[in-house]
Amino acid sequence: MFAQVKLADAKPDLIYLVTVVLAFLEGPAAGAMAGFFGGMAEDFLLDQPKGITALTLTLVGYTVGMLRQYVVTPSPLLPVLVVGAATTGAVLFNQLVTFLLGQNTVGVGYVVKVALLQGLYNAVLTPFLFPVIRRVAESSRAKKVFRW
């Protein structure tokens, strides 16, 4: 559904959003794992060079998970800002690696515009999807067992 929503040559990327939210909720290990598997899935399902998105999302998931340790008083606006900034940075990093490997054929202005718009779109979707992802993450955690 979101692949059809395109505005100014950019569309929201839910794999980036899910990776950042999981990293924010669960920490660096879960964020890196979600980023790797989500990135590999995106690379193999779309006709892209293999591994670039997986590398990008693994690094983003780990970084956001590490930054979570420094959040003392989370506000409801913080996940929106984190998702927007992390998505923008991830898209720019992805395009930088693509350029360094000789796969990129678009200009810098276009890349920056798309990165900012994708970050904005994901930030707008965060208040709607954050509670859903949090509930799924909480239900998938192992239950603590108390033994006497």
C-alpha atoms as a PDB file:
ATOM      1  CA  MET A   1       0.000   0.000   0.000  1.00  0.00           C
ATOM      2  CA  PHE A   2       2.755   2.472   0.939  1.00  0.00           C
ATOM      3  CA  ALA A   3       4.700   1.686  -2.232  1.00  0.00           C
ATOM      4  CA  GLN A   4       1.930   3.438  -4.158  1.00  0.00           C
ATOM      5  CA  VAL A   5       2.073   6.561  -1.975  1.00  0.00           C
ATOM      6  CA  LYS A   6       4.706   8.622  -3.711  1.00  0.00           C
ATOM      7  CA  LEU A   7       5.150  12.349  -3.311  1.00  0.00           C
ATOM      8  CA  ALA A   8       7.973  14.297  -4.944  1.00  0.00           C
ATOM      9  CA  ASP A   9       9.832  11.116  -5.993  1.00  0.00           C
ATOM     10  CA  ALA A  10       9.967   9.737  -2.451  1.00  0.00           C
ATOM     11  CA  LYS A  11       7.929   7.197  -0.529  1.00  0.00           C
ATOM     12  CA  PRO A  12       7.949   6.031   3.072  1.00  0.00           C
ATOM     13  CA  ASP A  13      10.153   3.037   3.781  1.00  0.00           C
ATOM     14  CA  LEU A  14       8.596   0.876   6.470  1.00  0.00           C
ATOM     15  CA  ILE A  15      11.646  -1.371   6.857  1.00  0.00           C
ATOM     16  CA  TYR A  16      13.673   1.627   7.998  1.00  0.00           C
ATOM     17  CA  LEU A  17      10.876   2.666  10.359  1.00  0.00           C
ATOM     18  CA  VAL A  18      10.483  -0.809  11.891  1.00  0.00           C
ATOM     19  CA  THR A  19      14.244  -1.189  12.345  1.00  0.00           C
ATOM     20  CA  VAL A  20      14.615   2.158  14.104  1.00  0.00           C
ATOM     21  CA  VAL A  21      11.601   1.589  16.359  1.00  0.00           C
ATOM     22  CA  LEU A  22      12.748  -1.928  17.321  1.00  0.00           C
ATOM     23  CA  ALA A  23      16.231  -0.618  18.060  1.00  0.00           C
ATOM     24  CA  PHE A  24      14.740   2.185  20.146  1.00  0.00           C
ATOM     25  CA  LEU A  25      12.585  -0.259  22.110  1.00  0.00           C
ATOM     26  CA  GLU A  26      14.819  -3.329  22.415  1.00  0.00           C
ATOM     27  CA  GLY A  27      18.421  -2.120  22.205  1.00  0.00           C
ATOM     28  CA  PRO A  28      21.414  -2.523  19.901  1.00  0.00           C
ATOM     29  CA  ALA A  29      21.407  -6.307  19.438  1.00  0.00           C
ATOM     30  CA  ALA A  30      17.740  -6.499  18.446  1.00  0.00           C
ATOM     31  CA  GLY A  31      18.086  -3.383  16.293  1.00  0.00           C
ATOM     32  CA  ALA A  32      21.095  -4.732  14.423  1.00  0.00           C
ATOM     33  CA  MET A  33      19.406  -8.095  13.886  1.00  0.00           C
ATOM     34  CA  ALA A  34      16.163  -6.523  12.668  1.00  0.00           C
ATOM     35  CA  GLY A  35      18.151  -4.218  10.397  1.00  0.00           C
ATOM     36  CA  PHE A  36      20.201  -7.032   8.900  1.00  0.00           C
ATOM     37  CA  PHE A  37      17.258  -9.310   8.138  1.00  0.00           C
ATOM     38  CA  GLY A  38      15.041  -6.451   6.964  1.00  0.00           C
ATOM     39  CA  GLY A  39      17.823  -5.096   4.768  1.00  0.00           C
ATOM     40  CA  MET A  40      18.582  -8.478   3.236  1.00  0.00           C
ATOM     41  CA  ALA A  41      14.885  -9.021   2.560  1.00  0.00           C
ATOM     42  CA  GLU A  42      14.637  -5.635   0.848  1.00  0.00           C
ATOM     43  CA  ASP A  43      17.799  -6.254  -1.175  1.00  0.00           C
ATOM     44  CA  PHE A  44      16.614  -9.635  -2.410  1.00  0.00           C
ATOM     45  CA  LEU A  45      12.995  -8.640  -3.057  1.00  0.00           C
ATOM     46  CA  LEU A  46      13.909  -5.509  -4.977  1.00  0.00           C
ATOM     47  CA  ASP A  47      16.389  -5.358  -7.811  1.00  0.00           C
ATOM     48  CA  GLN A  48      19.196  -3.750  -5.817  1.00  0.00           C
ATOM     49  CA  PRO A  49      22.850  -4.560  -5.218  1.00  0.00           C
ATOM     50  CA  LYS A  50      22.888  -7.173  -2.477  1.00  0.00           C
ATOM     51  CA  GLY A  51      24.027  -6.199   0.993  1.00  0.00           C
ATOM     52  CA  ILE A  52      24.021  -2.403   0.855  1.00  0.00           C
ATOM     53  CA  THR A  53      20.653  -1.978   2.540  1.00  0.00           C
ATOM     54  CA  ALA A  54      21.486  -4.757   5.004  1.00  0.00           C
ATOM     55  CA  LEU A  55      24.727  -2.989   5.942  1.00  0.00           C
ATOM     56  CA  THR A  56      22.950   0.345   6.285  1.00  0.00           C
ATOM     57  CA  LEU A  57      20.117  -0.960   8.433  1.00  0.00           C
ATOM     58  CA  THR A  58      22.413  -3.056  10.600  1.00  0.00           C
ATOM     59  CA  LEU A  59      24.495   0.019  11.420  1.00  0.00           C
ATOM     60  CA  VAL A  60      21.417   2.187  11.968  1.00  0.00           C
ATOM     61  CA  GLY A  61      19.770  -0.407  14.215  1.00  0.00           C
ATOM     62  CA  TYR A  62      22.886  -0.783  16.313  1.00  0.00           C
ATOM     63  CA  THR A  63      23.488   2.979  16.541  1.00  0.00           C
ATOM     64  CA  VAL A  64      19.918   3.818  17.548  1.00  0.00           C
ATOM     65  CA  GLY A  65      19.969   0.991  20.084  1.00  0.00           C
ATOM     66  CA  MET A  66      23.165   2.352  21.598  1.00  0.00           C
ATOM     67  CA  LEU A  67      21.792   5.897  21.716  1.00  0.00           C
ATOM     68  CA  ARG A  68      18.728   4.614  23.573  1.00  0.00           C
ATOM     69  CA  GLN A  69      20.900   4.159  26.658  1.00  0.00           C
ATOM     70  CA  TYR A  70      21.292   7.912  26.933  1.00  0.00           C
ATOM     71  CA  VAL A  71      17.562   8.653  26.932  1.00  0.00           C
ATOM     72  CA  VAL A  72      16.663   9.576  30.488  1.00  0.00           C
ATOM     73  CA  THR A  73      13.118  10.857  30.162  1.00  0.00           C
ATOM     74  CA  PRO A  74      11.500   9.755  26.921  1.00  0.00           C
ATOM     75  CA  SER A  75       8.816  12.011  25.549  1.00  0.00           C
ATOM     76  CA  PRO A  76       6.106  11.036  23.066  1.00  0.00           C
ATOM     77  CA  LEU A  77       7.812  13.210  20.452  1.00  0.00           C
ATOM     78  CA  LEU A  78      11.221  11.536  20.813  1.00  0.00           C
ATOM     79  CA  PRO A  79      10.473   8.407  18.696  1.00  0.00           C
ATOM     80  CA  VAL A  80       9.162  10.639  15.904  1.00  0.00           C
ATOM     81  CA  LEU A  81      12.352  12.689  15.876  1.00  0.00           C
ATOM     82  CA  VAL A  82      14.586   9.617  16.146  1.00  0.00           C
ATOM     83  CA  VAL A  83      12.820   7.841  13.272  1.00  0.00           C
ATOM     84  CA  GLY A  84      12.946  10.935  11.055  1.00  0.00           C
ATOM     85  CA  ALA A  85      16.620  11.643  11.714  1.00  0.00           C
ATOM     86  CA  ALA A  86      17.709   7.999  11.511  1.00  0.00           C
ATOM     87  CA  THR A  87      15.819   7.414   8.270  1.00  0.00           C
ATOM     88  CA  THR A  88      17.326  10.516   6.674  1.00  0.00           C
ATOM     89  CA  GLY A  89      20.831   9.546   7.779  1.00  0.00           C
ATOM     90  CA  ALA A  90      20.350   5.948   6.669  1.00  0.00           C
ATOM     91  CA  VAL A  91      19.175   6.918   3.197  1.00  0.00           C
ATOM     92  CA  LEU A  92      22.128   9.296   2.793  1.00  0.00           C
ATOM     93  CA  PHE A  93      24.564   6.598   3.979  1.00  0.00           C
ATOM     94  CA  ASN A  94      22.957   4.031   1.668  1.00  0.00           C
ATOM     95  CA  GLN A  95      23.316   6.340  -1.320  1.00  0.00           C
ATOM     96  CA  LEU A  96      26.920   7.177  -0.360  1.00  0.00           C
ATOM     97  CA  VAL A  97      27.849   3.483  -0.332  1.00  0.00           C
ATOM     98  CA  THR A  98      25.954   2.982  -3.595  1.00  0.00           C
ATOM     99  CA  PHE A  99      27.905   5.872  -5.132  1.00  0.00           C
ATOM    100  CA  LEU A 100      31.237   4.521  -3.887  1.00  0.00           C
ATOM    101  CA  LEU A 101      30.453   1.171  -5.496  1.00  0.00           C
ATOM    102  CA  GLY A 102      29.616   2.868  -8.804  1.00  0.00           C
ATOM    103  CA  GLN A 103      25.923   1.956  -8.739  1.00  0.00           C
ATOM    104  CA  ASN A 104      24.421   5.427  -8.278  1.00  0.00           C
ATOM    105  CA  THR A 105      23.322   7.436 -11.303  1.00  0.00           C
ATOM    106  CA  VAL A 106      21.461  10.359  -9.686  1.00  0.00           C
ATOM    107  CA  GLY A 107      22.696  13.721  -8.469  1.00  0.00           C
ATOM    108  CA  VAL A 108      23.429  14.846  -4.934  1.00  0.00           C
ATOM    109  CA  GLY A 109      20.524  17.307  -4.811  1.00  0.00           C
ATOM    110  CA  TYR A 110      18.047  14.597  -5.733  1.00  0.00           C
ATOM    111  CA  VAL A 111      19.489  12.212  -3.115  1.00  0.00           C
ATOM    112  CA  VAL A 112      19.266  14.833  -0.354  1.00  0.00           C
ATOM    113  CA  LYS A 113      15.691  15.722  -1.331  1.00  0.00           C
ATOM    114  CA  VAL A 114      14.587  12.083  -1.308  1.00  0.00           C
ATOM    115  CA  ALA A 115      16.384  11.403   1.995  1.00  0.00           C
ATOM    116  CA  LEU A 116      14.716  14.349   3.715  1.00  0.00           C
ATOM    117  CA  LEU A 117      11.294  13.429   2.357  1.00  0.00           C
ATOM    118  CA  GLN A 118      11.645   9.766   3.360  1.00  0.00           C
ATOM    119  CA  GLY A 119      12.658  10.853   6.851  1.00  0.00           C
ATOM    120  CA  LEU A 120       9.654  13.167   7.006  1.00  0.00           C
ATOM    121  CA  TYR A 121       7.251  10.476   5.758  1.00  0.00           C
ATOM    122  CA  ASN A 122       8.526   7.923   8.255  1.00  0.00           C
ATOM    123  CA  ALA A 123       8.313  10.500  11.045  1.00  0.00           C
ATOM    124  CA  VAL A 124       4.682  11.193  10.133  1.00  0.00           C
ATOM    125  CA  LEU A 125       3.873   7.453  10.187  1.00  0.00           C
ATOM    126  CA  THR A 126       5.642   6.834  13.499  1.00  0.00           C
ATOM    127  CA  PRO A 127       2.790   7.866  15.844  1.00  0.00           C
ATOM    128  CA  PHE A 128       0.510   5.385  14.084  1.00  0.00           C
ATOM    129  CA  LEU A 129       2.921   2.444  13.824  1.00  0.00           C
ATOM    130  CA  PHE A 130       4.970   2.862  17.031  1.00  0.00           C
ATOM    131  CA  PRO A 131       2.249   1.430  19.336  1.00  0.00           C
ATOM    132  CA  VAL A 132       1.721  -1.541  17.017  1.00  0.00           C
ATOM    133  CA  ILE A 133       5.440  -2.348  16.808  1.00  0.00           C
ATOM    134  CA  ARG A 134       5.795  -1.898  20.593  1.00  0.00           C
ATOM    135  CA  ARG A 135       2.936  -4.298  21.261  1.00  0.00           C
ATOM    136  CA  VAL A 136       4.377  -6.916  18.890  1.00  0.00           C
ATOM    137  CA  ALA A 137       7.840  -6.541  20.461  1.00  0.00           C
ATOM    138  CA  GLU A 138       6.425  -6.885  23.976  1.00  0.00           C
ATOM    139  CA  SER A 139       4.436  -9.979  23.071  1.00  0.00           C
ATOM    140  CA  SER A 140       7.472 -11.654  21.504  1.00  0.00           C
ATOM    141  CA  ARG A 141       9.657 -11.265  24.593  1.00  0.00           C
ATOM    142  CA  ALA A 142      10.225 -14.329  26.723  1.00  0.00           C
ATOM    143  CA  LYS A 143       8.113 -14.364  29.839  1.00  0.00           C
ATOM    144  CA  LYS A 144       9.990 -14.310  33.103  1.00  0.00           C
ATOM    145  CA  VAL A 145       9.509 -17.470  35.082  1.00  0.00           C
ATOM    146  CA  PHE A 146       9.771 -17.419  38.838  1.00  0.00           C
ATOM    147  CA  ARG A 147      10.682 -20.692  40.465  1.00  0.00           C
ATOM    148  CA  TRP A 148      10.526 -21.309  44.167  1.00  0.00           C
END
